[in-house]
Amino acid sequence: MPTFKYITKYVFPKRDELKAKDFREPLFSEKKEMKYTKRFMKRLAIGAVLLLIVLSGLAYYYRNPVKLVDVPLTSLQEKLDVTKLDNGMTVTIKEMKAVPLVTIQFWVHVGSKNEPEQYRGIAHIFEHIWFKGTATQPVGSFHKRVESLGGELNAMTSQDWTMYYVTVPSDKFDEIFPYMTDLLLNPAFDNNEIEKEKKVVLEEQSFSFNEPEKFLDDQFGLLLVDKHPYRNPVIGYKNTISAANREEIINFYKTWYVPNNMNIIVVGNINKEKTLEKIKQAFAGFKQQELPALDLPKESPLSQ
């Protein structure tokens, strides 16, 4: 690293001390300097064009302002078709003809707060397992089919719920919905896949320590909540993730993944009557069962 003496002598020399020997070689050769100059000018030109586009858009906006229309929440709710099936499953359907897509969501009212203490993270582990095939669907086949249609699929776990969703062209609903139903009713629980996904979850858990926002969120949970399961990170802990096994994952699934603990939401360019009928047929044999009562500890006030 250059010393202060070097800098003052060779970078900022006194005017009366400038001598030919004090000048060093240029930082770049003339050829490289020309190359970097051209690159800078090119980027400057691109930036100028982008700025011009943005300014043109703003000018158009101010000449033709968008008129926003307030839509009361009640009017949106009135258009929702909510049905409670005989098995206790809630089905919510919303027709939206403007876009040729359909989104199917499976909401299960189970999250990290429902987990046994020694298996923290098991709700999130099962979220991963859900996509890992059935007796009739090889691992990865569902992903490939959805992606081949230009669709999207994902899932997420919180403290209170787990949600799975797929978005595809609306004319592919009849093809994709049976896939999702099969995954929900007949997960394979392949032990090799379970161990693979546990490793994935452990990696995610390790990465969370390098994400300041996530790390602070977890620390706040431990600081603010003393007894309630909300104090635990949704992803779990290294030892509890490692402890989860096939038997416990199946038991967790059988306990909480029942129709009277679920809500299916379908939104898109579909016919609500036909869609509801398909859902009824798909889950006709899915029997409701009694859910275990959660005896969650009460928190003490943070201050008197």
C-alpha atoms as a PDB file:
ATOM      1  CA  MET A   1       0.000   0.000   0.000  1.00  0.00           C
ATOM      2  CA  PRO A   2       1.498   3.428  -0.950  1.00  0.00           C
ATOM      3  CA  THR A   3       2.813   5.406   1.988  1.00  0.00           C
ATOM      4  CA  PHE A   4       1.906   9.004   2.731  1.00  0.00           C
ATOM      5  CA  LYS A   5       5.432  10.003   1.741  1.00  0.00           C
ATOM      6  CA  TYR A   6       5.093   8.230  -1.606  1.00  0.00           C
ATOM      7  CA  ILE A   7       1.721   9.828  -2.305  1.00  0.00           C
ATOM      8  CA  THR A   8       2.902  13.325  -1.459  1.00  0.00           C
ATOM      9  CA  LYS A   9       6.031  12.904  -3.538  1.00  0.00           C
ATOM     10  CA  TYR A  10       4.756  11.143  -6.635  1.00  0.00           C
ATOM     11  CA  VAL A  11       1.033  11.782  -6.713  1.00  0.00           C
ATOM     12  CA  PHE A  12       0.907  15.346  -5.349  1.00  0.00           C
ATOM     13  CA  PRO A  13       4.494  16.623  -5.639  1.00  0.00           C
ATOM     14  CA  LYS A  14       5.422  20.184  -4.857  1.00  0.00           C
ATOM     15  CA  ARG A  15       5.506  22.311  -7.982  1.00  0.00           C
ATOM     16  CA  ASP A  16       9.137  23.317  -7.561  1.00  0.00           C
ATOM     17  CA  GLU A  17      10.219  19.718  -7.019  1.00  0.00           C
ATOM     18  CA  LEU A  18       8.743  18.308 -10.237  1.00  0.00           C
ATOM     19  CA  LYS A  19      11.429  16.505 -12.146  1.00  0.00           C
ATOM     20  CA  ALA A  20      11.318  14.053 -14.990  1.00  0.00           C
ATOM     21  CA  LYS A  21      12.317  11.196 -12.710  1.00  0.00           C
ATOM     22  CA  ASP A  22       9.338  11.893 -10.418  1.00  0.00           C
ATOM     23  CA  PHE A  23       6.801  10.974 -13.108  1.00  0.00           C
ATOM     24  CA  ARG A  24       5.762   7.362 -13.229  1.00  0.00           C
ATOM     25  CA  GLU A  25       4.387   5.347 -16.121  1.00  0.00           C
ATOM     26  CA  PRO A  26       0.716   6.038 -16.949  1.00  0.00           C
ATOM     27  CA  LEU A  27      -1.827   3.744 -15.258  1.00  0.00           C
ATOM     28  CA  PHE A  28      -2.949   2.330 -18.642  1.00  0.00           C
ATOM     29  CA  SER A  29      -1.283   2.060 -21.993  1.00  0.00           C
ATOM     30  CA  GLU A  30      -2.612   4.339 -24.723  1.00  0.00           C
ATOM     31  CA  LYS A  31      -4.411   1.372 -26.319  1.00  0.00           C
ATOM     32  CA  LYS A  32      -6.123   0.364 -23.070  1.00  0.00           C
ATOM     33  CA  GLU A  33      -6.984   3.953 -22.289  1.00  0.00           C
ATOM     34  CA  MET A  34      -8.721   4.256 -25.654  1.00  0.00           C
ATOM     35  CA  LYS A  35     -10.595   0.986 -24.997  1.00  0.00           C
ATOM     36  CA  TYR A  36     -11.891   2.139 -21.606  1.00  0.00           C
ATOM     37  CA  THR A  37     -12.773   5.550 -22.983  1.00  0.00           C
ATOM     38  CA  LYS A  38     -14.889   3.966 -25.720  1.00  0.00           C
ATOM     39  CA  ARG A  39     -16.588   1.698 -23.183  1.00  0.00           C
ATOM     40  CA  PHE A  40     -17.376   4.677 -20.953  1.00  0.00           C
ATOM     41  CA  MET A  41     -18.774   6.690 -23.872  1.00  0.00           C
ATOM     42  CA  LYS A  42     -20.917   3.716 -24.937  1.00  0.00           C
ATOM     43  CA  ARG A  43     -22.381   3.334 -21.446  1.00  0.00           C
ATOM     44  CA  LEU A  44     -22.932   7.075 -21.237  1.00  0.00           C
ATOM     45  CA  ALA A  45     -24.838   6.990 -24.531  1.00  0.00           C
ATOM     46  CA  ILE A  46     -27.006   4.067 -23.373  1.00  0.00           C
ATOM     47  CA  GLY A  47     -27.725   5.865 -20.116  1.00  0.00           C
ATOM     48  CA  ALA A  48     -28.727   8.997 -22.016  1.00  0.00           C
ATOM     49  CA  VAL A  49     -31.125   6.998 -24.205  1.00  0.00           C
ATOM     50  CA  LEU A  50     -32.702   5.301 -21.174  1.00  0.00           C
ATOM     51  CA  LEU A  51     -33.073   8.654 -19.434  1.00  0.00           C
ATOM     52  CA  LEU A  52     -34.754  10.062 -22.545  1.00  0.00           C
ATOM     53  CA  ILE A  53     -37.209   7.132 -22.576  1.00  0.00           C
ATOM     54  CA  VAL A  54     -38.060   7.652 -18.908  1.00  0.00           C
ATOM     55  CA  LEU A  55     -38.535  11.392 -19.368  1.00  0.00           C
ATOM     56  CA  SER A  56     -40.712  10.797 -22.431  1.00  0.00           C
ATOM     57  CA  GLY A  57     -42.868   8.398 -20.419  1.00  0.00           C
ATOM     58  CA  LEU A  58     -43.221  10.913 -17.605  1.00  0.00           C
ATOM     59  CA  ALA A  59     -44.160  13.652 -20.065  1.00  0.00           C
ATOM     60  CA  TYR A  60     -46.854  11.402 -21.570  1.00  0.00           C
ATOM     61  CA  TYR A  61     -48.144  10.536 -18.105  1.00  0.00           C
ATOM     62  CA  TYR A  62     -48.527  14.184 -17.135  1.00  0.00           C
ATOM     63  CA  ARG A  63     -50.304  14.947 -20.407  1.00  0.00           C
ATOM     64  CA  ASN A  64     -52.537  11.873 -20.034  1.00  0.00           C
ATOM     65  CA  PRO A  65     -52.869  11.094 -16.321  1.00  0.00           C
ATOM     66  CA  VAL A  66     -54.250   7.678 -15.382  1.00  0.00           C
ATOM     67  CA  LYS A  67     -57.641   7.876 -13.736  1.00  0.00           C
ATOM     68  CA  LEU A  68     -57.754   5.636 -10.688  1.00  0.00           C
ATOM     69  CA  VAL A  69     -61.060   4.098  -9.699  1.00  0.00           C
ATOM     70  CA  ASP A  70     -61.726   3.162  -6.092  1.00  0.00           C
ATOM     71  CA  VAL A  71     -63.252  -0.304  -5.832  1.00  0.00           C
ATOM     72  CA  PRO A  72     -64.854  -0.937  -2.436  1.00  0.00           C
ATOM     73  CA  LEU A  73     -63.665  -4.128  -0.775  1.00  0.00           C
ATOM     74  CA  THR A  74     -67.283  -5.183  -0.288  1.00  0.00           C
ATOM     75  CA  SER A  75     -67.856  -5.205  -4.042  1.00  0.00           C
ATOM     76  CA  LEU A  76     -64.910  -7.566  -4.519  1.00  0.00           C
ATOM     77  CA  GLN A  77     -66.139  -9.857  -1.759  1.00  0.00           C
ATOM     78  CA  GLU A  78     -69.627  -9.999  -3.258  1.00  0.00           C
ATOM     79  CA  LYS A  79     -68.179 -11.470  -6.450  1.00  0.00           C
ATOM     80  CA  LEU A  80     -66.443 -14.301  -4.618  1.00  0.00           C
ATOM     81  CA  ASP A  81     -68.172 -17.658  -4.700  1.00  0.00           C
ATOM     82  CA  VAL A  82     -67.474 -19.383  -1.365  1.00  0.00           C
ATOM     83  CA  THR A  83     -68.750 -22.911  -0.772  1.00  0.00           C
ATOM     84  CA  LYS A  84     -68.343 -25.244   2.197  1.00  0.00           C
ATOM     85  CA  LEU A  85     -68.261 -28.868   1.016  1.00  0.00           C
ATOM     86  CA  ASP A  86     -69.799 -31.731   2.976  1.00  0.00           C
ATOM     87  CA  ASN A  87     -66.347 -32.805   4.164  1.00  0.00           C
ATOM     88  CA  GLY A  88     -65.668 -29.362   5.650  1.00  0.00           C
ATOM     89  CA  MET A  89     -63.375 -28.109   2.882  1.00  0.00           C
ATOM     90  CA  THR A  90     -63.838 -24.451   1.945  1.00  0.00           C
ATOM     91  CA  VAL A  91     -63.781 -23.643  -1.774  1.00  0.00           C
ATOM     92  CA  THR A  92     -63.403 -20.063  -2.987  1.00  0.00           C
ATOM     93  CA  ILE A  93     -63.810 -19.303  -6.694  1.00  0.00           C
ATOM     94  CA  LYS A  94     -63.373 -15.984  -8.489  1.00  0.00           C
ATOM     95  CA  GLU A  95     -64.063 -15.612 -12.202  1.00  0.00           C
ATOM     96  CA  MET A  96     -61.742 -13.158 -13.977  1.00  0.00           C
ATOM     97  CA  LYS A  97     -62.339 -13.292 -17.708  1.00  0.00           C
ATOM     98  CA  ALA A  98     -59.897 -10.518 -18.633  1.00  0.00           C
ATOM     99  CA  VAL A  99     -56.772 -12.702 -18.378  1.00  0.00           C
ATOM    100  CA  PRO A 100     -56.386 -16.166 -20.005  1.00  0.00           C
ATOM    101  CA  LEU A 101     -54.830 -17.653 -16.867  1.00  0.00           C
ATOM    102  CA  VAL A 102     -55.925 -19.570 -13.818  1.00  0.00           C
ATOM    103  CA  THR A 103     -54.302 -19.786 -10.394  1.00  0.00           C
ATOM    104  CA  ILE A 104     -55.030 -22.727  -8.111  1.00  0.00           C
ATOM    105  CA  GLN A 105     -54.103 -22.403  -4.447  1.00  0.00           C
ATOM    106  CA  PHE A 106     -54.282 -24.996  -1.690  1.00  0.00           C
ATOM    107  CA  TRP A 107     -54.264 -23.368   1.752  1.00  0.00           C
ATOM    108  CA  VAL A 108     -53.764 -25.619   4.765  1.00  0.00           C
ATOM    109  CA  HIS A 109     -54.266 -24.116   8.214  1.00  0.00           C
ATOM    110  CA  VAL A 110     -51.104 -25.560   9.668  1.00  0.00           C
ATOM    111  CA  GLY A 111     -47.720 -23.983  10.203  1.00  0.00           C
ATOM    112  CA  SER A 112     -44.752 -23.924  12.501  1.00  0.00           C
ATOM    113  CA  LYS A 113     -46.923 -23.271  15.572  1.00  0.00           C
ATOM    114  CA  ASN A 114     -48.465 -26.751  15.142  1.00  0.00           C
ATOM    115  CA  GLU A 115     -45.160 -28.614  15.233  1.00  0.00           C
ATOM    116  CA  PRO A 116     -43.909 -30.887  18.014  1.00  0.00           C
ATOM    117  CA  GLU A 117     -41.108 -29.191  19.939  1.00  0.00           C
ATOM    118  CA  GLN A 118     -38.542 -31.813  18.965  1.00  0.00           C
ATOM    119  CA  TYR A 119     -39.369 -31.520  15.241  1.00  0.00           C
ATOM    120  CA  ARG A 120     -39.352 -27.769  14.657  1.00  0.00           C
ATOM    121  CA  GLY A 121     -39.288 -27.177  10.896  1.00  0.00           C
ATOM    122  CA  ILE A 122     -41.325 -30.243   9.938  1.00  0.00           C
ATOM    123  CA  ALA A 123     -44.126 -28.133   8.385  1.00  0.00           C
ATOM    124  CA  HIS A 124     -41.609 -26.565   6.024  1.00  0.00           C
ATOM    125  CA  ILE A 125     -39.984 -29.922   5.295  1.00  0.00           C
ATOM    126  CA  PHE A 126     -43.329 -31.349   4.206  1.00  0.00           C
ATOM    127  CA  GLU A 127     -43.884 -28.326   1.976  1.00  0.00           C
ATOM    128  CA  HIS A 128     -40.774 -29.485   0.096  1.00  0.00           C
ATOM    129  CA  ILE A 129     -41.890 -33.128   0.095  1.00  0.00           C
ATOM    130  CA  TRP A 130     -45.304 -32.240  -1.360  1.00  0.00           C
ATOM    131  CA  PHE A 131     -43.788 -31.733  -4.808  1.00  0.00           C
ATOM    132  CA  LYS A 132     -41.845 -35.004  -4.743  1.00  0.00           C
ATOM    133  CA  GLY A 133     -44.206 -37.214  -6.689  1.00  0.00           C
ATOM    134  CA  THR A 134     -46.863 -39.835  -6.029  1.00  0.00           C
ATOM    135  CA  ALA A 135     -47.344 -43.497  -6.897  1.00  0.00           C
ATOM    136  CA  THR A 136     -48.288 -42.436 -10.443  1.00  0.00           C
ATOM    137  CA  GLN A 137     -46.198 -39.261 -10.806  1.00  0.00           C
ATOM    138  CA  PRO A 138     -42.406 -39.582 -10.939  1.00  0.00           C
ATOM    139  CA  VAL A 139     -40.369 -36.958  -9.107  1.00  0.00           C
ATOM    140  CA  GLY A 140     -40.086 -33.804 -11.214  1.00  0.00           C
ATOM    141  CA  SER A 141     -42.847 -34.663 -13.690  1.00  0.00           C
ATOM    142  CA  PHE A 142     -45.269 -32.079 -12.296  1.00  0.00           C
ATOM    143  CA  HIS A 143     -42.667 -29.308 -12.426  1.00  0.00           C
ATOM    144  CA  LYS A 144     -41.754 -30.173 -16.000  1.00  0.00           C
ATOM    145  CA  ARG A 145     -45.358 -30.190 -17.173  1.00  0.00           C
ATOM    146  CA  VAL A 146     -46.196 -26.858 -15.540  1.00  0.00           C
ATOM    147  CA  GLU A 147     -43.049 -25.232 -16.920  1.00  0.00           C
ATOM    148  CA  SER A 148     -43.720 -26.639 -20.402  1.00  0.00           C
ATOM    149  CA  LEU A 149     -47.026 -24.754 -20.334  1.00  0.00           C
ATOM    150  CA  GLY A 150     -45.281 -21.520 -19.384  1.00  0.00           C
ATOM    151  CA  GLY A 151     -46.748 -21.803 -15.906  1.00  0.00           C
ATOM    152  CA  GLU A 152     -45.444 -21.209 -12.425  1.00  0.00           C
ATOM    153  CA  LEU A 153     -45.635 -23.165  -9.180  1.00  0.00           C
ATOM    154  CA  ASN A 154     -44.394 -22.587  -5.672  1.00  0.00           C
ATOM    155  CA  ALA A 155     -45.221 -22.994  -2.002  1.00  0.00           C
ATOM    156  CA  MET A 156     -44.626 -21.215   1.273  1.00  0.00           C
ATOM    157  CA  THR A 157     -44.892 -21.936   4.971  1.00  0.00           C
ATOM    158  CA  SER A 158     -45.686 -19.511   7.779  1.00  0.00           C
ATOM    159  CA  GLN A 159     -46.367 -19.839  11.488  1.00  0.00           C
ATOM    160  CA  ASP A 160     -50.099 -20.370  10.882  1.00  0.00           C
ATOM    161  CA  TRP A 161     -50.539 -21.785   7.380  1.00  0.00           C
ATOM    162  CA  THR A 162     -48.948 -23.513   4.409  1.00  0.00           C
ATOM    163  CA  MET A 163     -49.877 -22.595   0.845  1.00  0.00           C
ATOM    164  CA  TYR A 164     -49.246 -24.288  -2.509  1.00  0.00           C
ATOM    165  CA  TYR A 165     -50.073 -22.655  -5.815  1.00  0.00           C
ATOM    166  CA  VAL A 166     -49.908 -23.181  -9.562  1.00  0.00           C
ATOM    167  CA  THR A 167     -50.600 -20.664 -12.326  1.00  0.00           C
ATOM    168  CA  VAL A 168     -51.155 -21.949 -15.876  1.00  0.00           C
ATOM    169  CA  PRO A 169     -53.118 -20.983 -18.996  1.00  0.00           C
ATOM    170  CA  SER A 170     -56.792 -21.303 -18.115  1.00  0.00           C
ATOM    171  CA  ASP A 171     -57.452 -23.852 -20.858  1.00  0.00           C
ATOM    172  CA  LYS A 172     -55.032 -26.216 -19.055  1.00  0.00           C
ATOM    173  CA  PHE A 173     -56.999 -26.262 -15.788  1.00  0.00           C
ATOM    174  CA  ASP A 174     -58.589 -29.641 -16.539  1.00  0.00           C
ATOM    175  CA  GLU A 175     -55.132 -31.137 -17.061  1.00  0.00           C
ATOM    176  CA  ILE A 176     -53.268 -29.582 -14.127  1.00  0.00           C
ATOM    177  CA  PHE A 177     -55.897 -29.803 -11.385  1.00  0.00           C
ATOM    178  CA  PRO A 178     -55.855 -33.646 -11.215  1.00  0.00           C
ATOM    179  CA  TYR A 179     -52.049 -33.457 -10.820  1.00  0.00           C
ATOM    180  CA  MET A 180     -52.415 -31.163  -7.804  1.00  0.00           C
ATOM    181  CA  THR A 181     -55.166 -33.300  -6.328  1.00  0.00           C
ATOM    182  CA  ASP A 182     -52.997 -36.397  -6.645  1.00  0.00           C
ATOM    183  CA  LEU A 183     -50.082 -34.649  -4.923  1.00  0.00           C
ATOM    184  CA  LEU A 184     -52.344 -33.607  -2.066  1.00  0.00           C
ATOM    185  CA  LEU A 185     -54.033 -36.957  -1.529  1.00  0.00           C
ATOM    186  CA  ASN A 186     -51.244 -39.399  -2.395  1.00  0.00           C
ATOM    187  CA  PRO A 187     -47.768 -38.040  -1.591  1.00  0.00           C
ATOM    188  CA  ALA A 188     -45.076 -40.663  -2.130  1.00  0.00           C
ATOM    189  CA  PHE A 189     -43.041 -40.000   1.042  1.00  0.00           C
ATOM    190  CA  ASP A 190     -40.001 -41.549  -0.611  1.00  0.00           C
ATOM    191  CA  ASN A 191     -37.330 -41.744   2.081  1.00  0.00           C
ATOM    192  CA  ASN A 192     -34.489 -40.864  -0.307  1.00  0.00           C
ATOM    193  CA  GLU A 193     -36.340 -37.724  -1.378  1.00  0.00           C
ATOM    194  CA  ILE A 194     -37.054 -36.849   2.248  1.00  0.00           C
ATOM    195  CA  GLU A 195     -33.360 -37.022   3.117  1.00  0.00           C
ATOM    196  CA  LYS A 196     -32.475 -34.935   0.045  1.00  0.00           C
ATOM    197  CA  GLU A 197     -34.971 -32.240   0.985  1.00  0.00           C
ATOM    198  CA  LYS A 198     -33.787 -32.206   4.590  1.00  0.00           C
ATOM    199  CA  LYS A 199     -30.328 -31.333   3.271  1.00  0.00           C
ATOM    200  CA  VAL A 200     -31.848 -28.571   1.138  1.00  0.00           C
ATOM    201  CA  VAL A 201     -33.692 -27.182   4.160  1.00  0.00           C
ATOM    202  CA  LEU A 202     -30.529 -27.355   6.275  1.00  0.00           C
ATOM    203  CA  GLU A 203     -28.726 -25.321   3.609  1.00  0.00           C
ATOM    204  CA  GLU A 204     -31.555 -22.785   3.620  1.00  0.00           C
ATOM    205  CA  GLN A 205     -31.321 -22.626   7.392  1.00  0.00           C
ATOM    206  CA  SER A 206     -27.572 -21.964   7.188  1.00  0.00           C
ATOM    207  CA  PHE A 207     -28.059 -19.257   4.552  1.00  0.00           C
ATOM    208  CA  SER A 208     -30.511 -17.454   6.820  1.00  0.00           C
ATOM    209  CA  PHE A 209     -27.614 -16.527   9.117  1.00  0.00           C
ATOM    210  CA  ASN A 210     -26.096 -14.566   6.225  1.00  0.00           C
ATOM    211  CA  GLU A 211     -29.287 -12.604   5.551  1.00  0.00           C
ATOM    212  CA  PRO A 212     -29.376  -9.722   8.043  1.00  0.00           C
ATOM    213  CA  GLU A 213     -33.109  -9.093   7.671  1.00  0.00           C
ATOM    214  CA  LYS A 214     -33.996 -12.759   8.229  1.00  0.00           C
ATOM    215  CA  PHE A 215     -31.502 -13.125  11.055  1.00  0.00           C
ATOM    216  CA  LEU A 216     -32.853 -10.058  12.865  1.00  0.00           C
ATOM    217  CA  ASP A 217     -36.426 -11.245  12.371  1.00  0.00           C
ATOM    218  CA  ASP A 218     -35.588 -14.562  14.036  1.00  0.00           C
ATOM    219  CA  GLN A 219     -33.773 -12.810  16.876  1.00  0.00           C
ATOM    220  CA  PHE A 220     -36.729 -10.500  17.499  1.00  0.00           C
ATOM    221  CA  GLY A 221     -38.962 -13.553  17.765  1.00  0.00           C
ATOM    222  CA  LEU A 222     -36.743 -15.032  20.450  1.00  0.00           C
ATOM    223  CA  LEU A 223     -36.508 -11.696  22.246  1.00  0.00           C
ATOM    224  CA  LEU A 224     -40.178 -10.689  22.215  1.00  0.00           C
ATOM    225  CA  VAL A 225     -41.861 -14.070  22.622  1.00  0.00           C
ATOM    226  CA  ASP A 226     -41.034 -16.171  25.644  1.00  0.00           C
ATOM    227  CA  LYS A 227     -43.242 -19.289  25.530  1.00  0.00           C
ATOM    228  CA  HIS A 228     -45.497 -19.309  22.463  1.00  0.00           C
ATOM    229  CA  PRO A 229     -44.278 -21.272  19.383  1.00  0.00           C
ATOM    230  CA  TYR A 230     -44.176 -17.974  17.467  1.00  0.00           C
ATOM    231  CA  ARG A 231     -40.759 -17.489  19.040  1.00  0.00           C
ATOM    232  CA  ASN A 232     -39.288 -20.236  16.858  1.00  0.00           C
ATOM    233  CA  PRO A 233     -38.138 -19.623  13.274  1.00  0.00           C
ATOM    234  CA  VAL A 234     -40.443 -21.233  10.718  1.00  0.00           C
ATOM    235  CA  ILE A 235     -37.543 -23.073   9.127  1.00  0.00           C
ATOM    236  CA  GLY A 236     -36.639 -24.723  12.433  1.00  0.00           C
ATOM    237  CA  TYR A 237     -33.259 -25.480  13.967  1.00  0.00           C
ATOM    238  CA  LYS A 238     -30.423 -27.648  12.726  1.00  0.00           C
ATOM    239  CA  ASN A 239     -30.966 -30.397  15.303  1.00  0.00           C
ATOM    240  CA  THR A 240     -34.784 -30.474  14.913  1.00  0.00           C
ATOM    241  CA  ILE A 241     -34.592 -30.524  11.110  1.00  0.00           C
ATOM    242  CA  SER A 242     -32.103 -33.393  11.260  1.00  0.00           C
ATOM    243  CA  ALA A 243     -34.323 -35.270  13.726  1.00  0.00           C
ATOM    244  CA  ALA A 244     -37.388 -35.248  11.439  1.00  0.00           C
ATOM    245  CA  ASN A 245     -37.948 -38.675   9.892  1.00  0.00           C
ATOM    246  CA  ARG A 246     -40.370 -40.288   7.471  1.00  0.00           C
ATOM    247  CA  GLU A 247     -42.677 -41.607  10.190  1.00  0.00           C
ATOM    248  CA  GLU A 248     -43.043 -38.197  11.867  1.00  0.00           C
ATOM    249  CA  ILE A 249     -43.598 -36.421   8.536  1.00  0.00           C
ATOM    250  CA  ILE A 250     -46.373 -38.865   7.594  1.00  0.00           C
ATOM    251  CA  ASN A 251     -47.963 -38.437  11.019  1.00  0.00           C
ATOM    252  CA  PHE A 252     -47.856 -34.641  10.645  1.00  0.00           C
ATOM    253  CA  TYR A 253     -49.473 -34.899   7.201  1.00  0.00           C
ATOM    254  CA  LYS A 254     -52.241 -37.259   8.346  1.00  0.00           C
ATOM    255  CA  THR A 255     -53.024 -35.070  11.351  1.00  0.00           C
ATOM    256  CA  TRP A 256     -53.310 -31.681   9.666  1.00  0.00           C
ATOM    257  CA  TYR A 257     -53.818 -32.218   5.926  1.00  0.00           C
ATOM    258  CA  VAL A 258     -57.524 -32.945   6.181  1.00  0.00           C
ATOM    259  CA  PRO A 259     -60.393 -31.282   4.250  1.00  0.00           C
ATOM    260  CA  ASN A 260     -61.911 -29.454   7.216  1.00  0.00           C
ATOM    261  CA  ASN A 261     -58.537 -27.752   7.687  1.00  0.00           C
ATOM    262  CA  MET A 262     -58.178 -26.595   4.092  1.00  0.00           C
ATOM    263  CA  ASN A 263     -59.268 -23.912   1.671  1.00  0.00           C
ATOM    264  CA  ILE A 264     -58.990 -24.296  -2.096  1.00  0.00           C
ATOM    265  CA  ILE A 265     -58.938 -21.046  -4.067  1.00  0.00           C
ATOM    266  CA  VAL A 266     -59.329 -20.878  -7.844  1.00  0.00           C
ATOM    267  CA  VAL A 267     -59.076 -17.523  -9.625  1.00  0.00           C
ATOM    268  CA  GLY A 268     -59.017 -16.884 -13.349  1.00  0.00           C
ATOM    269  CA  ASN A 269     -60.737 -17.304 -16.672  1.00  0.00           C
ATOM    270  CA  ILE A 270     -62.860 -20.280 -15.657  1.00  0.00           C
ATOM    271  CA  ASN A 271     -66.503 -21.203 -15.243  1.00  0.00           C
ATOM    272  CA  LYS A 272     -67.248 -21.248 -11.525  1.00  0.00           C
ATOM    273  CA  GLU A 273     -70.064 -23.829 -11.714  1.00  0.00           C
ATOM    274  CA  LYS A 274     -67.982 -26.327 -13.700  1.00  0.00           C
ATOM    275  CA  THR A 275     -64.928 -25.669 -11.547  1.00  0.00           C
ATOM    276  CA  LEU A 276     -66.849 -26.252  -8.327  1.00  0.00           C
ATOM    277  CA  GLU A 277     -68.237 -29.508  -9.688  1.00  0.00           C
ATOM    278  CA  LYS A 278     -64.739 -30.750 -10.588  1.00  0.00           C
ATOM    279  CA  ILE A 279     -63.501 -29.946  -7.089  1.00  0.00           C
ATOM    280  CA  LYS A 280     -66.437 -31.766  -5.497  1.00  0.00           C
ATOM    281  CA  GLN A 281     -65.756 -34.859  -7.602  1.00  0.00           C
ATOM    282  CA  ALA A 282     -62.007 -34.781  -6.938  1.00  0.00           C
ATOM    283  CA  PHE A 283     -62.427 -34.697  -3.146  1.00  0.00           C
ATOM    284  CA  ALA A 284     -65.595 -36.756  -2.773  1.00  0.00           C
ATOM    285  CA  GLY A 285     -63.695 -39.488  -0.925  1.00  0.00           C
ATOM    286  CA  PHE A 286     -61.596 -37.117   1.184  1.00  0.00           C
ATOM    287  CA  LYS A 287     -63.090 -37.588   4.654  1.00  0.00           C
ATOM    288  CA  GLN A 288     -62.948 -34.979   7.381  1.00  0.00           C
ATOM    289  CA  GLN A 289     -61.553 -35.835  10.782  1.00  0.00           C
ATOM    290  CA  GLU A 290     -61.296 -34.214  14.158  1.00  0.00           C
ATOM    291  CA  LEU A 291     -58.389 -31.849  14.557  1.00  0.00           C
ATOM    292  CA  PRO A 292     -56.282 -31.992  17.720  1.00  0.00           C
ATOM    293  CA  ALA A 293     -56.754 -29.105  20.116  1.00  0.00           C
ATOM    294  CA  LEU A 294     -53.746 -26.832  20.364  1.00  0.00           C
ATOM    295  CA  ASP A 295     -52.809 -26.070  23.946  1.00  0.00           C
ATOM    296  CA  LEU A 296     -50.622 -23.047  23.284  1.00  0.00           C
ATOM    297  CA  PRO A 297     -48.974 -21.275  26.236  1.00  0.00           C
ATOM    298  CA  LYS A 298     -50.014 -17.725  27.042  1.00  0.00           C
ATOM    299  CA  GLU A 299     -47.469 -14.947  26.967  1.00  0.00           C
ATOM    300  CA  SER A 300     -46.826 -12.635  29.876  1.00  0.00           C
ATOM    301  CA  PRO A 301     -47.178  -8.888  29.190  1.00  0.00           C
ATOM    302  CA  LEU A 302     -43.965  -7.286  27.944  1.00  0.00           C
ATOM    303  CA  SER A 303     -44.473  -4.459  30.414  1.00  0.00           C
ATOM    304  CA  GLN A 304     -46.671  -3.726  33.390  1.00  0.00           C
END
